[in-house]
Amino acid sequence: MTSTPENRSQRPWRWVLLLALLALGGLVGWLLSRPQPAPEAPVAQTRTRPSTASEEGTQSALAAAPKPPGVEQPAAEPAAPIVDEVRVEKQEVCSGEDNLITVRAHTPDGNDAYLHYTVGDGTGQRLPIRVWRNDADGSYELPQVTVFTKNNVSVTVPIPPYKVKECEVERLVNVMSRRMPNAEDDFEFFAKVMERPAQPGKPAPRPFVAARYVWTFDDEAPETTTGPLVSHTLLAHSGAESMYTQHLIRVDVYDAAGHKETGRSSLQVLNTSFENFDKKGIVTLHAVGTPRFPVLDADGVVRQTFRLYHRFHGPVRLTKVTTVRAFRGTDEGPPPPEQVDVGSLPVSEVPEGKGTEVTVSFDTKAEPEVFAITYSLEGVSTDGHPARGTFSVMRPPPRPTQENSTPVSDPVLLAKVKRARELLHQEYVTDEDIFRLEREGKFADLKVDASQKPSGNTAPASGPLNGRPRSPAGK
């Protein structure tokens, strides 16, 4: 095409426009390629005004709202107990003379069921303590009181001061205790009168020979014995309501002239009924057998009567009774126990209080391989809680003979066995019999030369287990 003057005059402007567009595009690209600064962080706003009642209510509601399932929240630790009073019986005592300390406390939340106490090295809410003066400088230190609640959260306070004088008592009466075998609430108590050792330049204490013992358990009526030993049932006064039961035992020892010496002891007993209910929600059924140890009749049958009882309100209805038979061992070991549902016992309900009695038997001749039969009880309380308990009827150990026993070679023990048979008018005596007679002082006058060799007629030993019989060999 041939250009005209008009076309030639428009060409420069087209180039100018094209160059301007290119320059504008380059400027835009440069601007877009520049690094952008990071955005500034938002400024936190701090509340300086007090929360309104509406906001506090909302926060409380959120705090009290149920937590998501599967997320366990740690339980709040209970507050420490508050000690209301520590009472001292006497403001002045001689060195070694007991002084009764009584503690009264409570918890801030009102749940006093877990309260228990220590006073120095002893335990109990009412505890007789003895403080001795230092022989060198006459100094002495009073113990402290510690009160515990749930999870053993505790508080410790001092005992109010009292004076321990330089004098010493002539004699002390120590009261010792042990839980009886095969029993939950039966205890045995032993009183021992201890004379002050003779000291140079001081008169010897007057002779004291005990003639009778008057025992007082808590606030019950006194019991009198002629010997230093007594057994007693310590029942929980509020069995389902506290983790520990508190008991104070007192004995007044009289000689023939009427002079009196007094000893006291405190027992703080763990209440297993409360513990099982608190931790497992189970009402515990207890059982006490009569006789305490199994006795084999002439026909080879063990018959025992068991008193079933519990410590909760209302009766417990038995719903299931199971027997578990344990077998005697063989060379390969004992077979596994055999469990059988027996349906029911002659009783179907255990009332509150003293409970009820049931008699069971174990024919050892009909079941020669069985060692023991355990009755497992299941039931339900009046308020719907499960109840559980067990008791066992066992095969007594065989009577000792030369073939099944090791003869007693200790002349002292042999003399005790013979004396025990004479006193109890029994052909066989048990370790428990010997232990009881020894605590009663029945062997105090035995004159035995421990170095002498035993004669041929010695008693077979059957081991130190409670209830094992002992008798001269061959019988």
Protein backbone atom coordinates (compact mmCIF):
# COMPACT_ATOMS: atom_id res chain seq x y z
CA MET A 1 0.00 0.00 0.00
CA THR A 2 1.22 3.47 -0.81
CA SER A 3 1.47 5.80 2.19
CA THR A 4 -0.10 9.16 2.13
CA PRO A 5 0.97 12.32 3.92
CA GLU A 6 -1.79 11.74 6.51
CA ASN A 7 -0.50 8.25 7.41
CA ARG A 8 3.05 9.46 7.75
CA SER A 9 1.94 12.22 10.18
CA GLN A 10 0.18 9.66 12.58
CA ARG A 11 3.08 7.14 12.96
CA PRO A 12 5.07 9.01 15.63
CA TRP A 13 2.05 9.23 17.99
CA ARG A 14 1.46 5.50 17.75
CA TRP A 15 5.00 4.84 18.83
CA VAL A 16 4.71 7.26 21.68
CA LEU A 17 1.50 5.58 22.87
CA LEU A 18 3.11 2.13 22.63
CA LEU A 19 6.16 3.23 24.62
CA ALA A 20 3.92 4.82 27.28
CA LEU A 21 1.95 1.61 27.69
CA LEU A 22 5.14 -0.40 28.03
CA ALA A 23 6.49 1.98 30.63
CA LEU A 24 3.24 1.81 32.62
CA GLY A 25 3.31 -2.00 32.56
CA GLY A 26 6.88 -2.03 33.81
CA LEU A 27 5.99 0.33 36.67
CA VAL A 28 3.06 -1.84 37.73
CA GLY A 29 5.20 -5.00 37.63
CA TRP A 30 7.89 -3.35 39.75
CA LEU A 31 5.34 -2.26 42.33
CA LEU A 32 3.85 -5.75 42.52
CA SER A 33 7.25 -7.38 42.92
CA ARG A 34 8.23 -5.33 46.00
CA PRO A 35 8.27 -7.32 49.37
CA GLN A 36 5.23 -6.51 51.48
CA PRO A 37 5.71 -5.72 55.21
CA ALA A 38 4.20 -8.26 57.73
CA PRO A 39 0.90 -7.19 59.24
CA GLU A 40 1.15 -5.81 62.77
CA ALA A 41 0.00 -8.06 65.62
CA PRO A 42 -3.31 -7.05 67.19
CA VAL A 43 -3.00 -5.21 70.50
CA ALA A 44 -4.24 -7.27 73.50
CA GLN A 45 -6.88 -5.53 75.56
CA THR A 46 -6.56 -5.96 79.34
CA ARG A 47 -9.74 -5.73 81.40
CA THR A 48 -9.29 -3.29 84.21
CA ARG A 49 -12.88 -2.99 85.38
CA PRO A 50 -14.32 -5.51 87.90
CA SER A 51 -16.45 -8.38 86.62
CA THR A 52 -20.16 -7.86 86.75
CA ALA A 53 -22.45 -10.23 88.59
CA SER A 54 -23.61 -11.60 85.26
CA GLU A 55 -20.07 -12.35 84.13
CA GLU A 56 -19.15 -13.99 87.44
CA GLY A 57 -22.22 -16.19 87.24
CA THR A 58 -21.25 -17.23 83.74
CA GLN A 59 -17.70 -18.06 84.82
CA SER A 60 -18.99 -20.12 87.78
CA ALA A 61 -21.35 -21.99 85.51
CA LEU A 62 -18.51 -22.78 83.12
CA ALA A 63 -16.33 -24.00 85.98
CA ALA A 64 -19.14 -26.21 87.28
CA ALA A 65 -20.05 -27.55 83.86
CA PRO A 66 -19.44 -31.28 83.37
CA LYS A 67 -16.05 -32.12 81.91
CA PRO A 68 -15.81 -34.06 78.63
CA PRO A 69 -16.17 -37.82 79.07
CA GLY A 70 -12.94 -39.72 79.57
CA VAL A 71 -11.14 -36.76 81.15
CA GLU A 72 -10.45 -37.37 84.85
CA GLN A 73 -10.09 -34.35 87.06
CA PRO A 74 -7.86 -34.69 90.13
CA ALA A 75 -9.87 -34.88 93.35
CA ALA A 76 -9.45 -31.93 95.65
CA GLU A 77 -7.36 -32.73 98.73
CA PRO A 78 -9.43 -32.51 101.92
CA ALA A 79 -8.74 -29.65 104.28
CA ALA A 80 -6.65 -30.34 107.38
CA PRO A 81 -8.57 -31.12 110.59
CA ILE A 82 -9.16 -28.47 113.23
CA VAL A 83 -8.15 -29.41 116.78
CA ASP A 84 -10.77 -28.09 119.19
CA GLU A 85 -9.23 -29.26 122.45
CA VAL A 86 -6.37 -31.27 123.91
CA ARG A 87 -7.18 -32.04 127.53
CA VAL A 88 -4.61 -33.20 130.09
CA GLU A 89 -5.88 -35.27 133.01
CA LYS A 90 -3.27 -34.20 135.62
CA GLN A 91 -1.17 -31.05 135.82
CA GLU A 92 1.58 -32.81 137.81
CA VAL A 93 2.80 -36.40 137.60
CA CYS A 94 5.80 -38.38 138.76
CA SER A 95 8.37 -39.58 136.26
CA GLY A 96 6.86 -42.55 134.41
CA GLU A 97 3.35 -42.02 135.78
CA ASP A 98 0.68 -42.16 133.08
CA ASN A 99 -1.37 -39.10 132.20
CA LEU A 100 -4.51 -39.40 130.10
CA ILE A 101 -4.56 -37.18 127.00
CA THR A 102 -7.96 -36.58 125.38
CA VAL A 103 -8.25 -35.03 121.91
CA ARG A 104 -11.30 -33.43 120.35
CA ALA A 105 -11.22 -32.34 116.70
CA HIS A 106 -13.39 -31.81 113.63
CA THR A 107 -13.02 -31.24 109.90
CA PRO A 108 -14.01 -28.02 108.10
CA ASP A 109 -16.41 -29.83 105.77
CA GLY A 110 -18.10 -31.71 108.64
CA ASN A 111 -16.97 -35.16 107.42
CA ASP A 112 -15.37 -36.54 110.60
CA ALA A 113 -15.63 -40.21 109.58
CA TYR A 114 -11.91 -40.45 108.76
CA LEU A 115 -10.50 -38.84 111.89
CA HIS A 116 -7.77 -40.76 113.70
CA TYR A 117 -5.10 -39.73 116.17
CA THR A 118 -1.54 -40.21 117.37
CA VAL A 119 -0.08 -38.93 120.63
CA GLY A 120 3.67 -39.38 120.56
CA ASP A 121 4.29 -43.03 119.66
CA GLY A 122 0.77 -44.17 120.62
CA THR A 123 -2.52 -44.10 118.76
CA GLY A 124 -5.99 -43.21 119.97
CA GLN A 125 -8.29 -40.36 120.82
CA ARG A 126 -7.90 -41.01 124.58
CA LEU A 127 -4.42 -42.19 125.31
CA PRO A 128 -2.46 -42.61 128.58
CA ILE A 129 1.13 -41.48 128.04
CA ARG A 130 4.22 -41.80 130.24
CA VAL A 131 6.97 -39.22 130.25
CA TRP A 132 10.33 -39.95 131.92
CA ARG A 133 12.79 -37.43 133.27
CA ASN A 134 16.38 -37.53 132.07
CA ASP A 135 18.55 -38.95 134.87
CA ALA A 136 21.43 -36.67 133.97
CA ASP A 137 19.80 -33.24 134.02
CA GLY A 138 16.14 -33.88 134.90
CA SER A 139 14.91 -32.63 131.54
CA TYR A 140 11.94 -34.13 129.72
CA GLU A 141 10.00 -33.60 126.52
CA LEU A 142 6.25 -33.77 126.09
CA PRO A 143 5.02 -35.46 122.90
CA GLN A 144 2.84 -33.85 120.25
CA VAL A 145 -0.66 -34.65 119.03
CA THR A 146 -1.33 -35.32 115.35
CA VAL A 147 -4.88 -35.57 113.98
CA PHE A 148 -5.44 -37.18 110.58
CA THR A 149 -8.39 -37.15 108.21
CA LYS A 150 -8.99 -38.66 104.75
CA ASN A 151 -5.86 -39.37 102.68
CA ASN A 152 -3.90 -38.87 105.91
CA VAL A 153 -4.08 -35.09 105.66
CA SER A 154 -3.03 -34.02 109.15
CA VAL A 155 -2.34 -31.24 111.60
CA THR A 156 0.06 -31.38 114.56
CA VAL A 157 -0.29 -29.43 117.80
CA PRO A 158 1.59 -29.53 121.11
CA ILE A 159 0.22 -31.01 124.31
CA PRO A 160 -0.62 -28.37 126.93
CA PRO A 161 2.36 -28.26 129.29
CA TYR A 162 2.30 -30.13 132.58
CA LYS A 163 4.98 -30.82 135.17
CA VAL A 164 6.88 -34.10 135.44
CA LYS A 165 8.25 -34.20 138.98
CA GLU A 166 11.41 -35.89 140.22
CA CYS A 167 9.51 -38.63 142.09
CA GLU A 168 8.98 -42.11 140.64
CA VAL A 169 6.04 -44.47 140.99
CA GLU A 170 6.55 -47.70 142.91
CA ARG A 171 5.15 -49.91 140.20
CA LEU A 172 3.51 -49.78 136.79
CA VAL A 173 0.68 -51.81 135.30
CA ASN A 174 1.17 -52.43 131.59
CA VAL A 175 -1.91 -53.48 129.60
CA MET A 176 -1.14 -55.41 126.41
CA SER A 177 -3.60 -56.68 123.80
CA ARG A 178 -3.90 -58.89 120.77
CA ARG A 179 -6.70 -59.82 118.38
CA MET A 180 -7.95 -63.35 118.99
CA PRO A 181 -7.42 -65.92 116.22
CA ASN A 182 -10.32 -66.49 113.80
CA ALA A 183 -12.17 -63.38 114.96
CA GLU A 184 -12.78 -59.80 113.88
CA ASP A 185 -13.90 -58.10 117.10
CA ASP A 186 -12.60 -60.42 119.85
CA PHE A 187 -9.48 -59.25 121.71
CA GLU A 188 -7.43 -60.62 124.56
CA PHE A 189 -5.97 -58.29 127.21
CA PHE A 190 -3.12 -59.03 129.57
CA ALA A 191 -2.12 -56.96 132.62
CA LYS A 192 1.44 -57.15 133.91
CA VAL A 193 2.44 -55.52 137.20
CA MET A 194 6.04 -54.27 137.02
CA GLU A 195 7.93 -53.37 140.22
CA ARG A 196 10.39 -50.49 140.31
CA PRO A 197 13.96 -51.81 140.40
CA ALA A 198 15.72 -51.43 143.74
CA GLN A 199 17.96 -48.37 143.85
CA PRO A 200 20.82 -47.58 146.22
CA GLY A 201 19.78 -45.29 149.04
CA LYS A 202 16.04 -45.67 148.34
CA PRO A 203 13.60 -47.96 150.15
CA ALA A 204 12.37 -50.97 148.23
CA PRO A 205 8.71 -50.88 147.13
CA ARG A 206 6.26 -52.72 149.34
CA PRO A 207 5.45 -56.23 148.16
CA PHE A 208 2.40 -56.45 145.91
CA VAL A 209 0.73 -59.74 145.03
CA ALA A 210 -2.27 -59.36 142.74
CA ALA A 211 -5.45 -61.06 143.95
CA ARG A 212 -8.05 -59.79 141.47
CA TYR A 213 -8.35 -57.67 138.35
CA VAL A 214 -11.27 -55.35 137.61
CA TRP A 215 -11.51 -54.50 133.89
CA THR A 216 -13.47 -51.62 132.36
CA PHE A 217 -13.92 -51.40 128.59
CA ASP A 218 -14.97 -47.92 127.46
CA ASP A 219 -18.14 -47.11 129.42
CA GLU A 220 -19.32 -50.69 129.91
CA ALA A 221 -19.90 -52.42 133.24
CA PRO A 222 -16.69 -53.72 134.90
CA GLU A 223 -15.58 -57.35 134.65
CA THR A 224 -13.61 -59.10 137.41
CA THR A 225 -11.05 -61.86 136.90
CA THR A 226 -8.72 -63.65 139.29
CA GLY A 227 -5.94 -63.79 136.69
CA PRO A 228 -4.25 -61.14 134.54
CA LEU A 229 -5.91 -62.32 131.34
CA VAL A 230 -9.34 -61.45 129.93
CA SER A 231 -11.01 -61.68 126.52
CA HIS A 232 -13.58 -59.15 125.37
CA THR A 233 -15.53 -58.27 122.24
CA LEU A 234 -14.99 -54.67 121.17
CA LEU A 235 -18.04 -53.81 119.13
CA ALA A 236 -18.07 -50.75 116.91
CA HIS A 237 -20.65 -48.36 118.33
CA SER A 238 -21.06 -46.74 114.90
CA GLY A 239 -19.74 -49.45 112.68
CA ALA A 240 -20.89 -48.10 109.34
CA GLU A 241 -20.03 -44.49 110.08
CA SER A 242 -16.31 -44.20 110.83
CA MET A 243 -13.01 -45.57 109.52
CA TYR A 244 -11.63 -46.17 113.03
CA THR A 245 -13.19 -47.12 116.35
CA GLN A 246 -11.72 -45.72 119.57
CA HIS A 247 -11.50 -47.74 122.80
CA LEU A 248 -10.07 -47.09 126.27
CA ILE A 249 -9.29 -50.10 128.47
CA ARG A 250 -8.67 -49.77 132.21
CA VAL A 251 -7.70 -52.39 134.77
CA ASP A 252 -7.61 -51.92 138.54
CA VAL A 253 -5.40 -54.54 140.18
CA TYR A 254 -6.05 -55.28 143.88
CA ASP A 255 -3.96 -57.24 146.35
CA ALA A 256 -5.39 -59.18 149.29
CA ALA A 257 -5.23 -56.10 151.55
CA GLY A 258 -7.23 -53.98 149.09
CA HIS A 259 -4.35 -51.87 147.77
CA LYS A 260 -4.93 -50.83 144.17
CA GLU A 261 -2.71 -50.27 141.16
CA THR A 262 -4.18 -49.02 137.87
CA GLY A 263 -3.19 -49.50 134.24
CA ARG A 264 -4.79 -48.18 131.07
CA SER A 265 -4.43 -48.72 127.34
CA SER A 266 -5.88 -47.20 124.19
CA LEU A 267 -6.93 -49.09 121.07
CA GLN A 268 -7.60 -47.43 117.72
CA VAL A 269 -9.04 -50.21 115.56
CA LEU A 270 -9.45 -50.05 111.78
CA ASN A 271 -13.10 -50.61 110.89
CA THR A 272 -12.96 -52.97 107.91
CA SER A 273 -16.72 -52.68 107.38
CA PHE A 274 -16.44 -48.94 106.78
CA GLU A 275 -13.31 -49.36 104.65
CA ASN A 276 -14.93 -51.91 102.33
CA PHE A 277 -18.07 -49.83 101.97
CA ASP A 278 -16.13 -46.59 101.45
CA LYS A 279 -13.77 -47.97 98.79
CA LYS A 280 -15.91 -50.66 97.13
CA GLY A 281 -19.52 -49.95 98.10
CA ILE A 282 -19.81 -53.44 99.66
CA VAL A 283 -21.54 -54.34 102.93
CA THR A 284 -19.27 -56.78 104.80
CA LEU A 285 -20.70 -59.94 106.36
CA HIS A 286 -18.61 -61.19 109.30
CA ALA A 287 -18.56 -64.69 110.78
CA VAL A 288 -17.35 -65.97 114.17
CA GLY A 289 -17.10 -69.72 114.70
CA THR A 290 -17.84 -71.78 117.81
CA PRO A 291 -15.67 -73.59 118.73
CA ARG A 292 -12.97 -71.15 117.63
CA PHE A 293 -10.83 -73.98 116.21
CA PRO A 294 -12.30 -77.01 114.38
CA VAL A 295 -12.81 -80.18 116.41
CA LEU A 296 -13.15 -83.62 114.88
CA ASP A 297 -16.00 -85.72 116.31
CA ALA A 298 -15.71 -89.44 116.90
CA ASP A 299 -17.49 -90.07 113.59
CA GLY A 300 -14.93 -87.96 111.67
CA VAL A 301 -17.20 -84.92 111.20
CA VAL A 302 -16.33 -81.30 111.97
CA ARG A 303 -19.35 -79.34 113.19
CA GLN A 304 -19.15 -75.61 113.80
CA THR A 305 -21.71 -72.92 114.49
CA PHE A 306 -21.02 -69.54 112.91
CA ARG A 307 -22.58 -66.27 113.99
CA LEU A 308 -23.15 -64.13 110.90
CA TYR A 309 -23.45 -60.40 111.45
CA HIS A 310 -22.84 -57.01 109.84
CA ARG A 311 -22.58 -53.39 110.99
CA PHE A 312 -25.18 -51.69 108.84
CA HIS A 313 -28.78 -50.70 109.39
CA GLY A 314 -31.50 -53.15 108.43
CA PRO A 315 -31.28 -56.81 107.45
CA VAL A 316 -29.18 -58.26 104.64
CA ARG A 317 -30.96 -60.77 102.42
CA LEU A 318 -28.78 -63.66 101.19
CA THR A 319 -29.15 -64.22 97.45
CA LYS A 320 -26.37 -66.72 96.68
CA VAL A 321 -24.19 -69.19 98.59
CA THR A 322 -21.19 -70.87 96.99
CA THR A 323 -18.87 -73.50 98.47
CA VAL A 324 -15.24 -73.68 97.47
CA ARG A 325 -13.45 -76.94 98.31
CA ALA A 326 -9.68 -76.80 98.79
CA PHE A 327 -7.87 -80.11 98.30
CA ARG A 328 -4.89 -81.50 100.13
CA GLY A 329 -1.62 -81.41 98.22
CA THR A 330 0.04 -84.30 96.44
CA ASP A 331 3.53 -84.80 95.07
CA GLU A 332 2.47 -82.76 92.03
CA GLY A 333 0.94 -80.03 94.20
CA PRO A 334 -2.66 -79.36 95.30
CA PRO A 335 -5.42 -79.60 92.69
CA PRO A 336 -7.29 -76.38 91.84
CA PRO A 337 -10.20 -75.49 94.16
CA GLU A 338 -13.67 -76.68 93.20
CA GLN A 339 -16.53 -74.18 93.33
CA VAL A 340 -20.15 -75.30 93.64
CA ASP A 341 -23.34 -73.26 94.09
CA VAL A 342 -25.26 -74.74 97.03
CA GLY A 343 -28.32 -72.53 96.71
CA SER A 344 -28.81 -71.40 100.28
CA LEU A 345 -28.00 -71.92 103.94
CA PRO A 346 -30.51 -72.78 106.67
CA VAL A 347 -30.80 -68.98 107.11
CA SER A 348 -31.77 -66.56 104.35
CA GLU A 349 -31.36 -63.25 106.15
CA VAL A 350 -28.77 -61.63 108.44
CA PRO A 351 -30.43 -59.09 110.73
CA GLU A 352 -28.60 -56.06 112.08
CA GLY A 353 -27.07 -56.17 115.54
CA LYS A 354 -25.95 -59.60 116.80
CA GLY A 355 -26.99 -61.25 113.53
CA THR A 356 -27.95 -64.91 113.25
CA GLU A 357 -26.36 -68.34 113.69
CA VAL A 358 -25.91 -71.17 111.22
CA THR A 359 -24.45 -74.65 111.83
CA VAL A 360 -22.45 -76.39 109.11
CA SER A 361 -20.56 -79.69 108.99
CA PHE A 362 -17.65 -81.22 107.12
CA ASP A 363 -17.48 -85.03 106.83
CA THR A 364 -13.75 -85.70 106.57
CA LYS A 365 -14.27 -89.42 105.95
CA ALA A 366 -16.66 -88.87 103.06
CA GLU A 367 -14.31 -86.30 101.50
CA PRO A 368 -10.81 -87.55 102.41
CA GLU A 369 -9.03 -85.33 99.86
CA VAL A 370 -10.66 -82.09 100.96
CA PHE A 371 -8.70 -79.80 103.26
CA ALA A 372 -11.26 -77.02 103.80
CA ILE A 373 -14.72 -75.92 102.69
CA THR A 374 -15.21 -72.17 102.32
CA TYR A 375 -18.69 -70.69 102.15
CA SER A 376 -18.89 -67.57 99.99
CA LEU A 377 -21.96 -65.44 100.76
CA GLU A 378 -23.61 -62.87 98.50
CA GLY A 379 -26.58 -60.72 99.39
CA VAL A 380 -28.18 -57.30 99.22
CA SER A 381 -28.85 -54.75 101.96
CA THR A 382 -32.16 -52.97 102.50
CA ASP A 383 -30.87 -49.93 100.60
CA GLY A 384 -29.73 -52.01 97.62
CA HIS A 385 -25.99 -52.31 98.27
CA PRO A 386 -24.24 -55.62 97.54
CA ALA A 387 -23.15 -57.66 100.57
CA ARG A 388 -20.26 -60.13 100.66
CA GLY A 389 -18.70 -62.46 103.24
CA THR A 390 -16.90 -65.79 103.71
CA PHE A 391 -16.22 -68.37 106.40
CA SER A 392 -14.41 -71.71 106.32
CA VAL A 393 -14.75 -75.15 107.92
CA MET A 394 -11.34 -76.80 108.04
CA ARG A 395 -9.94 -80.25 108.65
CA PRO A 396 -8.13 -80.26 112.02
CA PRO A 397 -4.47 -81.26 112.01
CA PRO A 398 -3.86 -84.91 112.84
CA ARG A 399 -3.24 -85.88 116.42
CA PRO A 400 0.48 -86.02 117.15
CA THR A 401 2.13 -89.42 117.18
CA GLN A 402 5.68 -90.65 116.96
CA GLU A 403 5.11 -91.40 113.27
CA ASN A 404 3.81 -87.98 112.15
CA SER A 405 5.65 -85.63 114.53
CA THR A 406 9.08 -84.56 115.67
CA PRO A 407 9.61 -85.15 119.40
CA VAL A 408 10.03 -82.10 121.62
CA SER A 409 13.65 -82.01 122.72
CA ASP A 410 13.41 -78.83 124.81
CA PRO A 411 12.92 -79.85 128.48
CA VAL A 412 11.29 -76.48 129.31
CA LEU A 413 8.65 -76.86 126.61
CA LEU A 414 8.12 -80.49 127.60
CA ALA A 415 7.48 -79.45 131.20
CA LYS A 416 4.97 -76.83 130.03
CA VAL A 417 3.12 -79.42 127.92
CA LYS A 418 2.80 -81.77 130.89
CA ARG A 419 1.68 -78.96 133.22
CA ALA A 420 -0.88 -77.74 130.68
CA ARG A 421 -2.39 -81.24 130.35
CA GLU A 422 -2.74 -81.43 134.14
CA LEU A 423 -4.32 -77.99 134.50
CA LEU A 424 -6.75 -78.34 131.58
CA HIS A 425 -7.49 -82.05 132.11
CA GLN A 426 -6.90 -82.66 128.40
CA GLU A 427 -5.07 -85.47 126.67
CA TYR A 428 -3.87 -82.99 124.05
CA VAL A 429 -3.02 -79.31 124.42
CA THR A 430 -2.38 -76.76 121.72
CA ASP A 431 0.17 -74.00 121.32
CA GLU A 432 -2.68 -71.60 122.04
CA ASP A 433 -3.36 -73.36 125.36
CA ILE A 434 0.29 -73.13 126.36
CA PHE A 435 0.52 -69.47 125.34
CA ARG A 436 -2.56 -68.56 127.37
CA LEU A 437 -1.43 -70.45 130.48
CA GLU A 438 2.00 -68.87 130.25
CA ARG A 439 0.50 -65.36 130.19
CA GLU A 440 -1.57 -66.27 133.23
CA GLY A 441 1.60 -67.17 135.10
CA LYS A 442 0.82 -70.89 135.42
CA PHE A 443 4.39 -71.87 134.58
CA ALA A 444 6.13 -69.34 136.82
CA ASP A 445 7.03 -71.96 139.44
CA LEU A 446 8.38 -74.56 137.01
CA LYS A 447 11.88 -75.64 137.98
CA VAL A 448 13.52 -77.11 134.91
CA ASP A 449 17.19 -77.61 134.18
CA ALA A 450 17.42 -76.52 130.59
CA SER A 451 20.74 -78.38 130.18
CA GLN A 452 19.30 -81.79 131.00
CA LYS A 453 18.65 -84.26 128.23
CA PRO A 454 15.05 -85.25 127.50
CA SER A 455 13.85 -88.68 128.51
CA GLY A 456 12.53 -91.23 126.06
CA ASN A 457 8.89 -90.21 126.67
CA THR A 458 8.92 -86.85 124.93
CA ALA A 459 6.14 -84.90 123.30
CA PRO A 460 6.02 -84.71 119.53
CA ALA A 461 6.23 -81.20 118.12
CA SER A 462 3.80 -80.24 115.40
CA GLY A 463 4.88 -76.70 114.64
CA PRO A 464 4.14 -73.27 116.11
CA LEU A 465 0.72 -72.79 114.51
CA ASN A 466 -2.29 -71.82 116.63
CA GLY A 467 -4.44 -74.79 117.46
CA ARG A 468 -1.82 -77.46 116.73
CA PRO A 469 -2.05 -80.26 119.34
CA ARG A 470 0.80 -81.32 121.54
CA SER A 471 0.88 -84.54 123.52
CA PRO A 472 3.35 -87.14 124.84
CA ALA A 473 4.54 -89.42 122.09
CA GLY A 474 2.70 -92.58 121.26
CA LYS A 475 -0.68 -91.27 122.40
